[in-house]
């Protein structure tokens, strides 16, 4: 039966990108519950996870599953999957299967949005009111997070978002890039010029490298944009 993600026994990743969190009914074996969604069921362990999939999927004529491919690849187990694929936690030493871990659910949420919304996924999820005015420009890596950069069509300012909803302020100077997290409401007001205090087109000037409020200092790189990000 379908349930809330944080209490689900397993999740089914469908070939069309749908994500369904489910739990086995009391007293029903987990394998039997999953077999209702995944035909010709087989499974294998992936570290602390177990993946459930259709065995002999070629003979079944199943469609490819790009979401399952992306999820298991991100978790360190690249594979080409076909048909619906389910994930659960592995049994512990007492034979108990706990609900899906938070980091697994977060990975699935991020990759499902990215698959279904493409490069506009972060903006569509966290700034839908600005979506019609934003253009995707590029993406960069900040401490292992993919940050998507969007330019506002009218103000020409940038909204930088990762798939957790964290906004980022980015400045380039002398071939170096400086980044720090910022509140998403402030970031949206800044890019749309809805806050009078943010109307000044002042460009962020990076502080000396030893100042701690700048979260990240990257080695020299090519400047990302022809015009300033702020």
Protein backbone atom coordinates (compact mmCIF):
# COMPACT_ATOMS: atom_id res chain seq x y z
CA UNK A 1 0.00 0.00 0.00
CA UNK A 2 1.22 3.51 -0.77
CA UNK A 3 2.67 5.41 2.15
CA UNK A 4 4.72 8.45 3.15
CA UNK A 5 8.32 8.33 1.90
CA UNK A 6 9.87 8.51 5.39
CA UNK A 7 8.03 5.36 6.54
CA UNK A 8 8.10 3.36 3.28
CA UNK A 9 9.49 -0.16 3.16
CA UNK A 10 10.39 0.17 -0.50
CA UNK A 11 10.14 2.46 -3.49
CA UNK A 12 9.23 1.56 -7.06
CA UNK A 13 10.96 3.47 -9.86
CA UNK A 14 8.86 3.23 -13.01
CA UNK A 15 10.13 3.46 -16.58
CA UNK A 16 8.14 6.69 -17.17
CA UNK A 17 9.87 8.45 -14.27
CA UNK A 18 7.13 7.96 -11.67
CA UNK A 19 8.24 7.29 -8.09
CA UNK A 20 5.90 5.38 -5.76
CA UNK A 21 6.69 4.75 -2.08
CA UNK A 22 5.03 1.65 -0.62
CA UNK A 23 4.91 -0.55 2.45
CA UNK A 24 4.05 -4.21 2.80
CA UNK A 25 0.83 -4.97 4.62
CA UNK A 26 1.34 -6.34 8.15
CA UNK A 27 2.34 -9.99 7.98
CA UNK A 28 3.00 -9.92 4.25
CA UNK A 29 6.57 -10.79 3.17
CA UNK A 30 8.39 -7.91 1.54
CA UNK A 31 9.29 -9.98 -1.52
CA UNK A 32 5.64 -10.80 -2.11
CA UNK A 33 4.65 -7.14 -1.78
CA UNK A 34 7.29 -6.02 -4.28
CA UNK A 35 6.42 -8.82 -6.71
CA UNK A 36 3.03 -7.17 -7.17
CA UNK A 37 4.84 -4.29 -8.92
CA UNK A 38 7.92 -5.94 -10.44
CA UNK A 39 7.36 -9.02 -12.65
CA UNK A 40 9.55 -12.12 -12.65
CA UNK A 41 11.22 -10.82 -9.50
CA UNK A 42 14.92 -11.13 -8.77
CA UNK A 43 17.13 -9.11 -6.43
CA UNK A 44 20.72 -8.31 -5.55
CA UNK A 45 22.45 -6.52 -2.72
CA UNK A 46 23.96 -3.07 -3.27
CA UNK A 47 25.80 -2.38 -0.04
CA UNK A 48 23.15 -1.32 2.49
CA UNK A 49 20.48 -1.43 -0.22
CA UNK A 50 18.72 -4.21 -2.08
CA UNK A 51 17.53 -3.69 -5.65
CA UNK A 52 14.56 -5.67 -6.93
CA UNK A 53 14.18 -6.11 -10.69
CA UNK A 54 12.66 -8.23 -13.43
CA UNK A 55 14.85 -11.22 -14.23
CA UNK A 56 15.30 -12.07 -17.92
CA UNK A 57 13.94 -8.62 -18.81
CA UNK A 58 14.99 -9.04 -22.45
CA UNK A 59 12.49 -11.85 -22.97
CA UNK A 60 9.77 -9.77 -21.30
CA UNK A 61 10.24 -6.87 -23.72
CA UNK A 62 10.45 -4.29 -20.94
CA UNK A 63 11.33 -0.62 -21.49
CA UNK A 64 14.57 0.91 -20.28
CA UNK A 65 14.47 2.62 -16.87
CA UNK A 66 16.65 5.76 -16.98
CA UNK A 67 15.61 6.85 -13.48
CA UNK A 68 16.74 3.55 -11.94
CA UNK A 69 19.97 3.82 -13.97
CA UNK A 70 20.64 7.30 -12.57
CA UNK A 71 19.79 6.40 -8.97
CA UNK A 72 21.97 3.28 -8.74
CA UNK A 73 24.77 5.07 -10.60
CA UNK A 74 24.68 7.94 -8.06
CA UNK A 75 24.75 5.41 -5.24
CA UNK A 76 27.88 3.84 -6.72
CA UNK A 77 26.39 0.88 -8.59
CA UNK A 78 26.08 1.72 -12.31
CA UNK A 79 23.82 -0.62 -14.26
CA UNK A 80 21.35 -0.58 -17.16
CA UNK A 81 17.89 -1.45 -15.85
CA UNK A 82 14.70 -2.45 -17.65
CA UNK A 83 11.13 -2.42 -16.41
CA UNK A 84 10.01 -1.24 -12.96
CA UNK A 85 12.78 -1.40 -10.35
CA UNK A 86 12.28 -1.37 -6.58
CA UNK A 87 14.71 -0.39 -3.83
CA UNK A 88 14.66 -1.32 -0.17
CA UNK A 89 17.18 -1.30 2.63
CA UNK A 90 19.08 -4.56 3.18
CA UNK A 91 18.10 -6.79 6.08
CA UNK A 92 20.04 -6.21 9.30
CA UNK A 93 21.56 -9.02 11.37
CA UNK A 94 18.17 -9.64 12.96
CA UNK A 95 16.39 -9.98 9.62
CA UNK A 96 14.69 -6.60 9.98
CA UNK A 97 14.33 -4.25 7.00
CA UNK A 98 14.13 -0.64 8.17
CA UNK A 99 12.44 2.15 6.16
CA UNK A 100 14.41 3.70 3.31
CA UNK A 101 17.23 5.95 4.50
CA UNK A 102 16.87 9.70 4.11
CA UNK A 103 19.87 10.03 1.80
CA UNK A 104 18.37 7.43 -0.53
CA UNK A 105 15.04 9.29 -0.66
CA UNK A 106 16.84 12.59 -1.27
CA UNK A 107 18.83 11.09 -4.15
CA UNK A 108 15.66 9.69 -5.72
CA UNK A 109 13.82 13.01 -5.36
CA UNK A 110 16.68 14.98 -6.91
CA UNK A 111 17.17 12.65 -9.86
CA UNK A 112 13.44 12.23 -10.53
CA UNK A 113 13.00 16.01 -10.75
CA UNK A 114 16.08 16.29 -12.95
CA UNK A 115 14.81 13.57 -15.28
CA UNK A 116 11.27 14.93 -15.54
CA UNK A 117 12.07 18.65 -15.71
CA UNK A 118 15.53 18.59 -17.31
CA UNK A 119 17.83 21.52 -16.66
CA UNK A 120 14.94 23.58 -15.24
CA UNK A 121 14.28 21.02 -12.49
CA UNK A 122 15.64 23.08 -9.59
CA UNK A 123 13.86 26.26 -10.71
CA UNK A 124 10.61 24.39 -11.35
CA UNK A 125 10.64 22.95 -7.86
CA UNK A 126 11.88 25.88 -5.77
CA UNK A 127 11.08 29.01 -7.80
CA UNK A 128 7.97 28.14 -9.86
CA UNK A 129 6.72 31.72 -9.71
CA UNK A 130 9.84 32.82 -11.66
CA UNK A 131 10.01 29.92 -14.09
CA UNK A 132 8.61 31.79 -17.11
CA UNK A 133 11.29 34.48 -16.70
CA UNK A 134 14.33 32.24 -16.19
CA UNK A 135 16.75 30.81 -18.73
CA UNK A 136 19.01 27.90 -17.91
CA UNK A 137 22.63 28.92 -18.51
CA UNK A 138 24.95 26.28 -17.05
CA UNK A 139 25.65 24.08 -14.06
CA UNK A 140 28.69 23.91 -11.79
CA UNK A 141 29.90 21.73 -8.96
CA UNK A 142 30.14 23.19 -5.45
CA UNK A 143 31.45 20.76 -2.85
CA UNK A 144 29.90 17.80 -4.65
CA UNK A 145 26.55 19.52 -5.31
CA UNK A 146 25.33 20.31 -8.80
CA UNK A 147 24.27 23.96 -8.83
CA UNK A 148 22.06 25.11 -11.70
CA UNK A 149 22.48 28.70 -12.90
CA UNK A 150 19.48 30.59 -14.30
CA UNK A 151 19.45 34.08 -15.78
CA UNK A 152 16.37 36.28 -15.41
CA UNK A 153 15.22 37.45 -18.84
CA UNK A 154 14.48 41.01 -17.68
CA UNK A 155 16.89 41.79 -14.84
CA UNK A 156 19.77 39.68 -16.26
CA UNK A 157 20.58 38.58 -12.73
CA UNK A 158 21.37 34.99 -11.80
CA UNK A 159 19.53 32.56 -9.57
CA UNK A 160 21.83 29.72 -8.53
CA UNK A 161 20.07 26.67 -7.04
CA UNK A 162 20.90 23.10 -6.18
CA UNK A 163 18.32 20.32 -5.97
CA UNK A 164 18.01 20.59 -2.17
CA UNK A 165 16.64 24.13 -2.56
CA UNK A 166 19.83 25.78 -1.37
CA UNK A 167 20.54 29.08 -3.16
CA UNK A 168 24.11 30.17 -3.80
CA UNK A 169 25.85 33.47 -4.34
CA UNK A 170 28.70 33.24 -6.81
CA UNK A 171 31.36 35.79 -7.64
CA UNK A 172 34.25 35.62 -10.10
CA UNK A 173 37.38 37.70 -9.72
CA UNK A 174 40.86 37.39 -11.21
CA UNK A 175 40.06 33.98 -12.64
CA UNK A 176 38.85 32.64 -9.31
CA UNK A 177 35.33 31.68 -8.23
CA UNK A 178 33.96 32.33 -4.77
CA UNK A 179 30.70 30.88 -3.48
CA UNK A 180 28.57 31.03 -0.36
CA UNK A 181 25.06 29.81 0.50
CA UNK A 182 22.24 32.34 0.76
CA UNK A 183 18.60 32.30 1.77
CA UNK A 184 16.38 31.27 -1.15
CA UNK A 185 13.82 34.02 -0.48
CA UNK A 186 16.57 36.62 -0.60
CA UNK A 187 17.94 35.04 -3.77
CA UNK A 188 14.54 35.16 -5.51
CA UNK A 189 13.99 38.77 -4.42
CA UNK A 190 17.43 39.64 -5.70
CA UNK A 191 17.00 38.08 -9.12
CA UNK A 192 13.49 39.49 -9.64
CA UNK A 193 14.22 42.92 -8.08
CA UNK A 194 11.20 42.61 -5.80
CA UNK A 195 13.08 43.92 -2.74
CA UNK A 196 13.90 47.68 -2.99
CA UNK A 197 17.03 47.18 -0.88
CA UNK A 198 18.37 44.81 -3.51
CA UNK A 199 17.82 47.05 -6.53
CA UNK A 200 21.36 48.37 -6.62
CA UNK A 201 23.34 46.60 -9.35
CA UNK A 202 26.40 46.36 -7.10
CA UNK A 203 28.58 43.38 -7.97
CA UNK A 204 29.67 41.17 -5.08
CA UNK A 205 33.35 41.70 -4.41
CA UNK A 206 35.02 38.58 -3.04
CA UNK A 207 36.67 39.08 0.37
CA UNK A 208 40.23 38.01 1.17
CA UNK A 209 40.61 34.26 1.13
CA UNK A 210 40.99 34.02 4.91
CA UNK A 211 37.53 35.43 5.64
CA UNK A 212 35.34 32.59 6.82
CA UNK A 213 31.90 33.73 5.61
CA UNK A 214 32.76 32.68 2.07
CA UNK A 215 32.11 28.98 2.11
CA UNK A 216 34.19 27.84 -0.83
CA UNK A 217 37.27 28.98 -2.70
CA UNK A 218 37.88 27.23 -5.99
CA UNK A 219 41.20 27.25 -7.88
CA UNK A 220 41.46 29.62 -10.86
CA UNK A 221 38.97 28.76 -13.60
CA UNK A 222 37.63 30.38 -16.71
CA UNK A 223 35.04 33.05 -15.92
CA UNK A 224 31.58 31.54 -16.32
CA UNK A 225 29.69 34.50 -17.73
CA UNK A 226 30.28 37.52 -19.91
CA UNK A 227 28.19 39.73 -17.65
CA UNK A 228 28.25 39.87 -13.83
CA UNK A 229 26.23 37.31 -11.86
CA UNK A 230 24.89 39.95 -9.45
